[in-house]
Amino acid sequence: GEKLGFLDLAVGWIPLCLGVMEQVGEMKLFDA
């Protein structure tokens, strides 16, 4: 909702390292 919580921390891997995975794996999974 309006407050940072459990699921946000769990999903935090996406901005943290999904871009790195895309670079290493030469692929594109995530775009705006």
PDB file of all heavy atoms in Angstrom:
ATOM      1  N   GLY A   1       0.824  -1.208   0.000  1.00  0.00           N
ATOM      2  CA  GLY A   1       0.000   0.000   0.000  1.00  0.00           C
ATOM      3  C   GLY A   1       0.850   1.247   0.000  1.00  0.00           C
ATOM      4  O   GLY A   1       1.569   1.537  -0.961  1.00  0.00           O
ATOM      5  N   GLU A   2       0.838   1.979   1.096  1.00  0.00           N
ATOM      6  CA  GLU A   2       1.562   3.252   1.182  1.00  0.00           C
ATOM      7  C   GLU A   2       2.846   3.143   1.995  1.00  0.00           C
ATOM      8  O   GLU A   2       3.550   4.141   2.168  1.00  0.00           O
ATOM      9  CB  GLU A   2       0.657   4.319   1.809  1.00  0.00           C
ATOM     10  CG  GLU A   2      -0.583   4.633   0.991  1.00  0.00           C
ATOM     11  CD  GLU A   2      -0.238   5.134  -0.403  1.00  0.00           C
ATOM     12  OE1 GLU A   2       0.681   5.980  -0.518  1.00  0.00           O
ATOM     13  OE2 GLU A   2      -0.876   4.695  -1.375  1.00  0.00           O
ATOM     14  N   LYS A   3       3.165   1.956   2.484  1.00  0.00           N
ATOM     15  CA  LYS A   3       4.297   1.810   3.393  1.00  0.00           C
ATOM     16  C   LYS A   3       5.214   0.691   2.931  1.00  0.00           C
ATOM     17  O   LYS A   3       4.763  -0.387   2.551  1.00  0.00           O
ATOM     18  CB  LYS A   3       3.769   1.519   4.808  1.00  0.00           C
ATOM     19  CG  LYS A   3       4.819   1.531   5.893  1.00  0.00           C
ATOM     20  CD  LYS A   3       4.148   1.300   7.241  1.00  0.00           C
ATOM     21  CE  LYS A   3       5.176   1.272   8.362  1.00  0.00           C
ATOM     22  NZ  LYS A   3       4.535   0.983   9.664  1.00  0.00           N
ATOM     23  N   LEU A   4       6.520   0.957   2.966  1.00  0.00           N
ATOM     24  CA  LEU A   4       7.520  -0.045   2.626  1.00  0.00           C
ATOM     25  C   LEU A   4       7.388  -1.247   3.552  1.00  0.00           C
ATOM     26  O   LEU A   4       7.255  -1.090   4.765  1.00  0.00           O
ATOM     27  CB  LEU A   4       8.921   0.569   2.774  1.00  0.00           C
ATOM     28  CG  LEU A   4      10.112  -0.234   2.277  1.00  0.00           C
ATOM     29  CD1 LEU A   4      10.097  -0.336   0.762  1.00  0.00           C
ATOM     30  CD2 LEU A   4      11.414   0.420   2.743  1.00  0.00           C
ATOM     31  N   GLY A   5       7.417  -2.460   2.975  1.00  0.00           N
ATOM     32  CA  GLY A   5       7.212  -3.632   3.819  1.00  0.00           C
ATOM     33  C   GLY A   5       7.910  -4.890   3.323  1.00  0.00           C
ATOM     34  O   GLY A   5       8.806  -4.849   2.474  1.00  0.00           O
ATOM     35  N   PHE A   6       7.456  -6.001   3.857  1.00  0.00           N
ATOM     36  CA  PHE A   6       8.043  -7.332   3.648  1.00  0.00           C
ATOM     37  C   PHE A   6       8.209  -7.674   2.171  1.00  0.00           C
ATOM     38  O   PHE A   6       9.293  -8.054   1.722  1.00  0.00           O
ATOM     39  CB  PHE A   6       7.129  -8.348   4.339  1.00  0.00           C
ATOM     40  CG  PHE A   6       7.598  -9.769   4.307  1.00  0.00           C
ATOM     41  CD1 PHE A   6       8.528 -10.234   5.226  1.00  0.00           C
ATOM     42  CD2 PHE A   6       7.076 -10.661   3.383  1.00  0.00           C
ATOM     43  CE1 PHE A   6       8.939 -11.559   5.215  1.00  0.00           C
ATOM     44  CE2 PHE A   6       7.483 -11.987   3.362  1.00  0.00           C
ATOM     45  CZ  PHE A   6       8.419 -12.440   4.285  1.00  0.00           C
ATOM     46  N   LEU A   7       7.136  -7.536   1.392  1.00  0.00           N
ATOM     47  CA  LEU A   7       7.179  -7.932  -0.002  1.00  0.00           C
ATOM     48  C   LEU A   7       8.075  -7.005  -0.826  1.00  0.00           C
ATOM     49  O   LEU A   7       8.741  -7.455  -1.758  1.00  0.00           O
ATOM     50  CB  LEU A   7       5.769  -7.988  -0.585  1.00  0.00           C
ATOM     51  CG  LEU A   7       5.624  -8.557  -1.998  1.00  0.00           C
ATOM     52  CD1 LEU A   7       6.309  -9.918  -2.134  1.00  0.00           C
ATOM     53  CD2 LEU A   7       4.149  -8.668  -2.379  1.00  0.00           C
ATOM     54  N   ASP A   8       8.122  -5.729  -0.472  1.00  0.00           N
ATOM     55  CA  ASP A   8       9.017  -4.812  -1.171  1.00  0.00           C
ATOM     56  C   ASP A   8      10.470  -5.257  -1.016  1.00  0.00           C
ATOM     57  O   ASP A   8      11.237  -5.238  -1.983  1.00  0.00           O
ATOM     58  CB  ASP A   8       8.859  -3.390  -0.624  1.00  0.00           C
ATOM     59  CG  ASP A   8       7.468  -2.842  -0.840  1.00  0.00           C
ATOM     60  OD1 ASP A   8       7.168  -2.431  -1.970  1.00  0.00           O
ATOM     61  OD2 ASP A   8       6.676  -2.852   0.122  1.00  0.00           O
ATOM     62  N   LEU A   9      10.845  -5.637   0.194  1.00  0.00           N
ATOM     63  CA  LEU A   9      12.217  -6.081   0.424  1.00  0.00           C
ATOM     64  C   LEU A   9      12.508  -7.367  -0.338  1.00  0.00           C
ATOM     65  O   LEU A   9      13.603  -7.556  -0.868  1.00  0.00           O
ATOM     66  CB  LEU A   9      12.471  -6.281   1.922  1.00  0.00           C
ATOM     67  CG  LEU A   9      12.251  -5.063   2.823  1.00  0.00           C
ATOM     68  CD1 LEU A   9      12.722  -5.359   4.244  1.00  0.00           C
ATOM     69  CD2 LEU A   9      12.943  -3.828   2.276  1.00  0.00           C
ATOM     70  N   ALA A  10      11.519  -8.259  -0.395  1.00  0.00           N
ATOM     71  CA  ALA A  10      11.697  -9.520  -1.117  1.00  0.00           C
ATOM     72  C   ALA A  10      11.882  -9.271  -2.613  1.00  0.00           C
ATOM     73  O   ALA A  10      12.714  -9.900  -3.270  1.00  0.00           O
ATOM     74  CB  ALA A  10      10.502 -10.441  -0.871  1.00  0.00           C
ATOM     75  N   VAL A  11      11.109  -8.333  -3.169  1.00  0.00           N
ATOM     76  CA  VAL A  11      11.144  -8.060  -4.607  1.00  0.00           C
ATOM     77  C   VAL A  11      12.290  -7.110  -4.959  1.00  0.00           C
ATOM     78  O   VAL A  11      12.573  -6.877  -6.133  1.00  0.00           O
ATOM     79  CB  VAL A  11       9.779  -7.503  -5.077  1.00  0.00           C
ATOM     80  CG1 VAL A  11       9.767  -7.179  -6.556  1.00  0.00           C
ATOM     81  CG2 VAL A  11       8.671  -8.513  -4.784  1.00  0.00           C
ATOM     82  N   GLY A  12      12.993  -6.611  -3.957  1.00  0.00           N
ATOM     83  CA  GLY A  12      14.082  -5.668  -4.187  1.00  0.00           C
ATOM     84  C   GLY A  12      15.210  -6.189  -5.055  1.00  0.00           C
ATOM     85  O   GLY A  12      16.046  -5.405  -5.525  1.00  0.00           O
ATOM     86  N   TRP A  13      15.247  -7.493  -5.304  1.00  0.00           N
ATOM     87  CA  TRP A  13      16.276  -8.043  -6.195  1.00  0.00           C
ATOM     88  C   TRP A  13      16.128  -7.529  -7.630  1.00  0.00           C
ATOM     89  O   TRP A  13      17.110  -7.502  -8.376  1.00  0.00           O
ATOM     90  CB  TRP A  13      16.202  -9.576  -6.220  1.00  0.00           C
ATOM     91  CG  TRP A  13      14.988 -10.129  -6.910  1.00  0.00           C
ATOM     92  CD1 TRP A  13      13.759 -10.336  -6.364  1.00  0.00           C
ATOM     93  CD2 TRP A  13      14.886 -10.508  -8.291  1.00  0.00           C
ATOM     94  NE1 TRP A  13      12.886 -10.835  -7.300  1.00  0.00           N
ATOM     95  CE2 TRP A  13      13.553 -10.948  -8.494  1.00  0.00           C
ATOM     96  CE3 TRP A  13      15.770 -10.524  -9.366  1.00  0.00           C
ATOM     97  CZ2 TRP A  13      13.102 -11.397  -9.731  1.00  0.00           C
ATOM     98  CZ3 TRP A  13      15.315 -10.963 -10.606  1.00  0.00           C
ATOM     99  CH2 TRP A  13      13.997 -11.398 -10.776  1.00  0.00           C
ATOM    100  N   ILE A  14      14.918  -7.093  -8.005  1.00  0.00           N
ATOM    101  CA  ILE A  14      14.707  -6.657  -9.395  1.00  0.00           C
ATOM    102  C   ILE A  14      15.517  -5.398  -9.705  1.00  0.00           C
ATOM    103  O   ILE A  14      16.328  -5.399 -10.638  1.00  0.00           O
ATOM    104  CB  ILE A  14      13.204  -6.473  -9.701  1.00  0.00           C
ATOM    105  CG1 ILE A  14      12.486  -7.833  -9.600  1.00  0.00           C
ATOM    106  CG2 ILE A  14      13.017  -5.865 -11.092  1.00  0.00           C
ATOM    107  CD1 ILE A  14      10.983  -7.769  -9.828  1.00  0.00           C
ATOM    108  N   PRO A  15      15.354  -4.301  -8.949  1.00  0.00           N
ATOM    109  CA  PRO A  15      16.219  -3.146  -9.236  1.00  0.00           C
ATOM    110  C   PRO A  15      17.667  -3.383  -8.837  1.00  0.00           C
ATOM    111  O   PRO A  15      18.571  -2.729  -9.376  1.00  0.00           O
ATOM    112  CB  PRO A  15      15.593  -2.018  -8.407  1.00  0.00           C
ATOM    113  CG  PRO A  15      14.854  -2.707  -7.315  1.00  0.00           C
ATOM    114  CD  PRO A  15      14.347  -3.992  -7.919  1.00  0.00           C
ATOM    115  N   LEU A  16      17.897  -4.326  -7.928  1.00  0.00           N
ATOM    116  CA  LEU A  16      19.246  -4.595  -7.449  1.00  0.00           C
ATOM    117  C   LEU A  16      20.092  -5.325  -8.482  1.00  0.00           C
ATOM    118  O   LEU A  16      21.216  -4.916  -8.778  1.00  0.00           O
ATOM    119  CB  LEU A  16      19.183  -5.412  -6.156  1.00  0.00           C
ATOM    120  CG  LEU A  16      20.511  -5.877  -5.542  1.00  0.00           C
ATOM    121  CD1 LEU A  16      21.343  -4.669  -5.126  1.00  0.00           C
ATOM    122  CD2 LEU A  16      20.263  -6.794  -4.353  1.00  0.00           C
ATOM    123  N   CYS A  17      19.551  -6.403  -9.066  1.00  0.00           N
ATOM    124  CA  CYS A  17      20.427  -7.227  -9.899  1.00  0.00           C
ATOM    125  C   CYS A  17      19.798  -7.840 -11.145  1.00  0.00           C
ATOM    126  O   CYS A  17      20.485  -8.571 -11.864  1.00  0.00           O
ATOM    127  CB  CYS A  17      21.053  -8.338  -9.054  1.00  0.00           C
ATOM    128  SG  CYS A  17      19.873  -9.482  -8.341  1.00  0.00           S
ATOM    129  N   LEU A  18      18.541  -7.554 -11.451  1.00  0.00           N
ATOM    130  CA  LEU A  18      17.985  -8.118 -12.673  1.00  0.00           C
ATOM    131  C   LEU A  18      18.722  -7.589 -13.901  1.00  0.00           C
ATOM    132  O   LEU A  18      18.984  -8.327 -14.860  1.00  0.00           O
ATOM    133  CB  LEU A  18      16.487  -7.822 -12.784  1.00  0.00           C
ATOM    134  CG  LEU A  18      15.787  -8.395 -14.030  1.00  0.00           C
ATOM    135  CD1 LEU A  18      16.042  -9.884 -14.174  1.00  0.00           C
ATOM    136  CD2 LEU A  18      14.284  -8.121 -13.979  1.00  0.00           C
ATOM    137  N   GLY A  19      19.095  -6.309 -13.885  1.00  0.00           N
ATOM    138  CA  GLY A  19      19.849  -5.745 -14.993  1.00  0.00           C
ATOM    139  C   GLY A  19      21.194  -6.430 -15.187  1.00  0.00           C
ATOM    140  O   GLY A  19      21.659  -6.604 -16.326  1.00  0.00           O
ATOM    141  N   VAL A  20      21.810  -6.829 -14.072  1.00  0.00           N
ATOM    142  CA  VAL A  20      23.081  -7.557 -14.143  1.00  0.00           C
ATOM    143  C   VAL A  20      22.860  -8.930 -14.767  1.00  0.00           C
ATOM    144  O   VAL A  20      23.632  -9.376 -15.621  1.00  0.00           O
ATOM    145  CB  VAL A  20      23.716  -7.690 -12.743  1.00  0.00           C
ATOM    146  CG1 VAL A  20      24.973  -8.547 -12.803  1.00  0.00           C
ATOM    147  CG2 VAL A  20      24.036  -6.320 -12.167  1.00  0.00           C
ATOM    148  N   MET A  21      21.796  -9.609 -14.357  1.00  0.00           N
ATOM    149  CA  MET A  21      21.470 -10.916 -14.943  1.00  0.00           C
ATOM    150  C   MET A  21      21.240 -10.784 -16.449  1.00  0.00           C
ATOM    151  O   MET A  21      21.685 -11.625 -17.233  1.00  0.00           O
ATOM    152  CB  MET A  21      20.212 -11.496 -14.295  1.00  0.00           C
ATOM    153  CG  MET A  21      20.383 -12.015 -12.899  1.00  0.00           C
ATOM    154  SD  MET A  21      18.866 -12.903 -12.407  1.00  0.00           S
ATOM    155  CE  MET A  21      19.147 -13.077 -10.651  1.00  0.00           C
ATOM    156  N   GLU A  22      20.527  -9.720 -16.843  1.00  0.00           N
ATOM    157  CA  GLU A  22      20.267  -9.507 -18.262  1.00  0.00           C
ATOM    158  C   GLU A  22      21.574  -9.321 -19.037  1.00  0.00           C
ATOM    159  O   GLU A  22      21.734  -9.848 -20.143  1.00  0.00           O
ATOM    160  CB  GLU A  22      19.368  -8.280 -18.454  1.00  0.00           C
ATOM    161  CG  GLU A  22      17.932  -8.493 -17.983  1.00  0.00           C
ATOM    162  CD  GLU A  22      17.078  -7.256 -18.137  1.00  0.00           C
ATOM    163  OE1 GLU A  22      17.597  -6.139 -17.902  1.00  0.00           O
ATOM    164  OE2 GLU A  22      15.901  -7.382 -18.488  1.00  0.00           O
ATOM    165  N   GLN A  23      22.502  -8.588 -18.442  1.00  0.00           N
ATOM    166  CA  GLN A  23      23.780  -8.351 -19.102  1.00  0.00           C
ATOM    167  C   GLN A  23      24.590  -9.640 -19.210  1.00  0.00           C
ATOM    168  O   GLN A  23      25.130  -9.948 -20.278  1.00  0.00           O
ATOM    169  CB  GLN A  23      24.574  -7.290 -18.340  1.00  0.00           C
ATOM    170  CG  GLN A  23      25.889  -6.908 -19.011  1.00  0.00           C
ATOM    171  CD  GLN A  23      26.645  -5.842 -18.243  1.00  0.00           C
ATOM    172  OE1 GLN A  23      26.181  -5.310 -17.236  1.00  0.00           O
ATOM    173  NE2 GLN A  23      27.837  -5.509 -18.720  1.00  0.00           N
ATOM    174  N   VAL A  24      24.674 -10.383 -18.118  1.00  0.00           N
ATOM    175  CA  VAL A  24      25.444 -11.625 -18.119  1.00  0.00           C
ATOM    176  C   VAL A  24      24.831 -12.648 -19.073  1.00  0.00           C
ATOM    177  O   VAL A  24      25.542 -13.332 -19.823  1.00  0.00           O
ATOM    178  CB  VAL A  24      25.537 -12.207 -16.692  1.00  0.00           C
ATOM    179  CG1 VAL A  24      26.162 -13.600 -16.710  1.00  0.00           C
ATOM    180  CG2 VAL A  24      26.344 -11.283 -15.787  1.00  0.00           C
ATOM    181  N   GLY A  25      23.496 -12.743 -19.065  1.00  0.00           N
ATOM    182  CA  GLY A  25      22.810 -13.731 -19.881  1.00  0.00           C
ATOM    183  C   GLY A  25      22.475 -13.264 -21.284  1.00  0.00           C
ATOM    184  O   GLY A  25      21.871 -14.017 -22.061  1.00  0.00           O
ATOM    185  N   GLU A  26      22.881 -12.020 -21.615  1.00  0.00           N
ATOM    186  CA  GLU A  26      22.626 -11.453 -22.942  1.00  0.00           C
ATOM    187  C   GLU A  26      21.157 -11.627 -23.340  1.00  0.00           C
ATOM    188  O   GLU A  26      20.825 -12.273 -24.341  1.00  0.00           O
ATOM    189  CB  GLU A  26      23.558 -12.094 -23.988  1.00  0.00           C
ATOM    190  CG  GLU A  26      25.029 -11.852 -23.704  1.00  0.00           C
ATOM    191  CD  GLU A  26      25.935 -12.491 -24.737  1.00  0.00           C
ATOM    192  OE1 GLU A  26      25.528 -13.514 -25.349  1.00  0.00           O
ATOM    193  OE2 GLU A  26      27.042 -11.979 -24.951  1.00  0.00           O
ATOM    194  N   MET A  27      20.281 -11.036 -22.544  1.00  0.00           N
ATOM    195  CA  MET A  27      18.840 -11.187 -22.749  1.00  0.00           C
ATOM    196  C   MET A  27      18.148  -9.929 -22.259  1.00  0.00           C
ATOM    197  O   MET A  27      18.760  -9.065 -21.639  1.00  0.00           O
ATOM    198  CB  MET A  27      18.325 -12.392 -21.961  1.00  0.00           C
ATOM    199  CG  MET A  27      18.528 -12.260 -20.463  1.00  0.00           C
ATOM    200  SD  MET A  27      17.978 -13.673 -19.506  1.00  0.00           S
ATOM    201  CE  MET A  27      18.249 -13.073 -17.828  1.00  0.00           C
ATOM    202  N   LYS A  28      16.850  -9.826 -22.522  1.00  0.00           N
ATOM    203  CA  LYS A  28      16.044  -8.720 -22.018  1.00  0.00           C
ATOM    204  C   LYS A  28      14.745  -9.267 -21.461  1.00  0.00           C
ATOM    205  O   LYS A  28      13.958  -9.885 -22.177  1.00  0.00           O
ATOM    206  CB  LYS A  28      15.761  -7.706 -23.136  1.00  0.00           C
ATOM    207  CG  LYS A  28      15.091  -6.429 -22.645  1.00  0.00           C
ATOM    208  CD  LYS A  28      15.994  -5.673 -21.682  1.00  0.00           C
ATOM    209  CE  LYS A  28      15.350  -4.383 -21.195  1.00  0.00           C
ATOM    210  NZ  LYS A  28      16.184  -3.666 -20.212  1.00  0.00           N
ATOM    211  N   LEU A  29      14.535  -9.072 -20.166  1.00  0.00           N
ATOM    212  CA  LEU A  29      13.316  -9.549 -19.505  1.00  0.00           C
ATOM    213  C   LEU A  29      12.398  -8.400 -19.100  1.00  0.00           C
ATOM    214  O   LEU A  29      11.182  -8.543 -19.090  1.00  0.00           O
ATOM    215  CB  LEU A  29      13.667 -10.338 -18.235  1.00  0.00           C
ATOM    216  CG  LEU A  29      14.398 -11.661 -18.364  1.00  0.00           C
ATOM    217  CD1 LEU A  29      14.649 -12.233 -16.975  1.00  0.00           C
ATOM    218  CD2 LEU A  29      13.594 -12.641 -19.196  1.00  0.00           C
ATOM    219  N   PHE A  30      12.998  -7.279 -18.757  1.00  0.00           N
ATOM    220  CA  PHE A  30      12.268  -6.256 -18.020  1.00  0.00           C
ATOM    221  C   PHE A  30      12.385  -4.903 -18.706  1.00  0.00           C
ATOM    222  O   PHE A  30      13.490  -4.426 -18.954  1.00  0.00           O
ATOM    223  CB  PHE A  30      12.853  -6.176 -16.612  1.00  0.00           C
ATOM    224  CG  PHE A  30      12.095  -5.294 -15.662  1.00  0.00           C
ATOM    225  CD1 PHE A  30      10.796  -5.599 -15.300  1.00  0.00           C
ATOM    226  CD2 PHE A  30      12.692  -4.162 -15.135  1.00  0.00           C
ATOM    227  CE1 PHE A  30      10.095  -4.781 -14.419  1.00  0.00           C
ATOM    228  CE2 PHE A  30      12.000  -3.347 -14.245  1.00  0.00           C
ATOM    229  CZ  PHE A  30      10.700  -3.658 -13.898  1.00  0.00           C
ATOM    230  N   ASP A  31      11.252  -4.296 -19.052  1.00  0.00           N
ATOM    231  CA  ASP A  31      11.283  -2.952 -19.606  1.00  0.00           C
ATOM    232  C   ASP A  31      10.041  -2.183 -19.154  1.00  0.00           C
ATOM    233  O   ASP A  31       9.044  -2.765 -18.730  1.00  0.00           O
ATOM    234  CB  ASP A  31      11.390  -2.970 -21.130  1.00  0.00           C
ATOM    235  CG  ASP A  31      10.240  -3.708 -21.798  1.00  0.00           C
ATOM    236  OD1 ASP A  31       9.090  -3.244 -21.675  1.00  0.00           O
ATOM    237  OD2 ASP A  31      10.481  -4.754 -22.427  1.00  0.00           O
ATOM    238  N   ALA A  32      10.133  -0.867 -19.273  1.00  0.00           N
ATOM    239  CA  ALA A  32       9.073   0.006 -18.768  1.00  0.00           C
ATOM    240  C   ALA A  32       7.774  -0.136 -19.543  1.00  0.00           C
ATOM    241  O   ALA A  32       6.691   0.065 -18.996  1.00  0.00           O
ATOM    242  CB  ALA A  32       9.555   1.456 -18.800  1.00  0.00           C
TER     243      ALA A  32
END
